[in-house]
Amino acid sequence: MRVDSRTRSAVELEEFLKQFDFPFVTNLRDTQVYVHAARDGLSVFDMPRSRAEHDWEQWRTLTRWIGRQAGK
């Protein structure tokens, strides 16, 4: 689901998810980087740093969380 993290909708979504045993790990920005990556058959991690570094930072939060869960 695409929700701009700067909006009231994002706050409402996060509050809604708190009702469940479902962790809210991070937001990924709504960007054309994903469209371009899909068009070119790439992931954001295959793209040049200059085009996707901000997205890598956002994904880092999620990948670290997954790593911690896998180690349990």
C-alpha atoms as a PDB file:
ATOM      1  CA  MET A   1       0.000   0.000   0.000  1.00  0.00           C
ATOM      2  CA  ARG A   2       1.368   3.380  -0.901  1.00  0.00           C
ATOM      3  CA  VAL A   3       1.063   5.943   1.856  1.00  0.00           C
ATOM      4  CA  ASP A   4       3.138   9.081   2.076  1.00  0.00           C
ATOM      5  CA  SER A   5       4.806   8.925   5.505  1.00  0.00           C
ATOM      6  CA  ARG A   6       4.322  12.680   5.939  1.00  0.00           C
ATOM      7  CA  THR A   7       0.524  12.481   5.846  1.00  0.00           C
ATOM      8  CA  ARG A   8      -2.269  11.956   8.339  1.00  0.00           C
ATOM      9  CA  SER A   9      -3.093   8.719   6.499  1.00  0.00           C
ATOM     10  CA  ALA A  10       0.297   7.321   7.459  1.00  0.00           C
ATOM     11  CA  VAL A  11      -0.307   8.154  11.109  1.00  0.00           C
ATOM     12  CA  GLU A  12      -3.738   6.533  10.951  1.00  0.00           C
ATOM     13  CA  LEU A  13      -2.310   3.418   9.297  1.00  0.00           C
ATOM     14  CA  GLU A  14       0.372   3.078  11.948  1.00  0.00           C
ATOM     15  CA  GLU A  15      -2.237   3.456  14.704  1.00  0.00           C
ATOM     16  CA  PHE A  16      -4.427   0.835  13.023  1.00  0.00           C
ATOM     17  CA  LEU A  17      -1.556  -1.651  12.796  1.00  0.00           C
ATOM     18  CA  LYS A  18      -0.823  -1.231  16.512  1.00  0.00           C
ATOM     19  CA  GLN A  19      -4.126  -3.016  17.206  1.00  0.00           C
ATOM     20  CA  PHE A  20      -2.657  -6.248  15.861  1.00  0.00           C
ATOM     21  CA  ASP A  21       0.380  -8.324  16.684  1.00  0.00           C
ATOM     22  CA  PHE A  22       1.972  -6.984  13.523  1.00  0.00           C
ATOM     23  CA  PRO A  23       5.153  -4.921  13.751  1.00  0.00           C
ATOM     24  CA  PHE A  24       5.403  -1.637  11.919  1.00  0.00           C
ATOM     25  CA  VAL A  25       9.024  -1.689  10.784  1.00  0.00           C
ATOM     26  CA  THR A  26       9.494   1.173   8.335  1.00  0.00           C
ATOM     27  CA  ASN A  27       8.087   3.326   5.555  1.00  0.00           C
ATOM     28  CA  LEU A  28       9.373   3.111   2.016  1.00  0.00           C
ATOM     29  CA  ARG A  29       9.021   6.311   0.081  1.00  0.00           C
ATOM     30  CA  ASP A  30       6.704   6.593  -2.891  1.00  0.00           C
ATOM     31  CA  THR A  31       9.160   7.159  -5.726  1.00  0.00           C
ATOM     32  CA  GLN A  32       9.655   6.565  -9.431  1.00  0.00           C
ATOM     33  CA  VAL A  33      12.879   4.705  -8.604  1.00  0.00           C
ATOM     34  CA  TYR A  34      10.846   1.498  -8.294  1.00  0.00           C
ATOM     35  CA  VAL A  35       9.128   2.086 -11.625  1.00  0.00           C
ATOM     36  CA  HIS A  36      12.474   2.618 -13.357  1.00  0.00           C
ATOM     37  CA  ALA A  37      14.012  -0.393 -11.641  1.00  0.00           C
ATOM     38  CA  ALA A  38      11.130  -2.648 -12.733  1.00  0.00           C
ATOM     39  CA  ARG A  39      11.301  -1.292 -16.270  1.00  0.00           C
ATOM     40  CA  ASP A  40      15.003  -2.084 -16.435  1.00  0.00           C
ATOM     41  CA  GLY A  41      14.692  -5.478 -14.718  1.00  0.00           C
ATOM     42  CA  LEU A  42      16.631  -4.309 -11.652  1.00  0.00           C
ATOM     43  CA  SER A  43      16.137  -4.032  -7.947  1.00  0.00           C
ATOM     44  CA  VAL A  44      16.861  -0.747  -6.220  1.00  0.00           C
ATOM     45  CA  PHE A  45      20.064  -2.384  -4.955  1.00  0.00           C
ATOM     46  CA  ASP A  46      21.277  -2.851  -8.542  1.00  0.00           C
ATOM     47  CA  MET A  47      20.856   0.837  -9.359  1.00  0.00           C
ATOM     48  CA  PRO A  48      23.653   3.385  -9.118  1.00  0.00           C
ATOM     49  CA  ARG A  49      24.176   4.959  -5.713  1.00  0.00           C
ATOM     50  CA  SER A  50      23.299   8.373  -7.110  1.00  0.00           C
ATOM     51  CA  ARG A  51      19.798   7.157  -8.057  1.00  0.00           C
ATOM     52  CA  ALA A  52      18.863   4.919  -5.153  1.00  0.00           C
ATOM     53  CA  GLU A  53      20.973   5.668  -2.079  1.00  0.00           C
ATOM     54  CA  HIS A  54      18.047   7.215  -0.192  1.00  0.00           C
ATOM     55  CA  ASP A  55      16.001   4.083  -0.877  1.00  0.00           C
ATOM     56  CA  TRP A  56      18.839   1.820   0.283  1.00  0.00           C
ATOM     57  CA  GLU A  57      18.774   3.618   3.628  1.00  0.00           C
ATOM     58  CA  GLN A  58      15.059   2.978   4.013  1.00  0.00           C
ATOM     59  CA  TRP A  59      15.443  -0.681   3.076  1.00  0.00           C
ATOM     60  CA  ARG A  60      18.308  -1.085   5.553  1.00  0.00           C
ATOM     61  CA  THR A  61      15.851  -0.732   8.445  1.00  0.00           C
ATOM     62  CA  LEU A  62      13.724  -3.548   7.020  1.00  0.00           C
ATOM     63  CA  THR A  63      16.588  -5.869   6.097  1.00  0.00           C
ATOM     64  CA  ARG A  64      18.145  -5.485   9.555  1.00  0.00           C
ATOM     65  CA  TRP A  65      14.799  -6.287  11.185  1.00  0.00           C
ATOM     66  CA  ILE A  66      14.428  -9.395   8.999  1.00  0.00           C
ATOM     67  CA  GLY A  67      17.944 -10.471   9.933  1.00  0.00           C
ATOM     68  CA  ARG A  68      17.135 -10.162  13.630  1.00  0.00           C
ATOM     69  CA  GLN A  69      13.942 -12.197  13.176  1.00  0.00           C
ATOM     70  CA  ALA A  70      15.784 -14.923  11.269  1.00  0.00           C
ATOM     71  CA  GLY A  71      18.287 -15.226  14.123  1.00  0.00           C
ATOM     72  CA  LYS A  72      15.581 -15.959  16.704  1.00  0.00           C
END
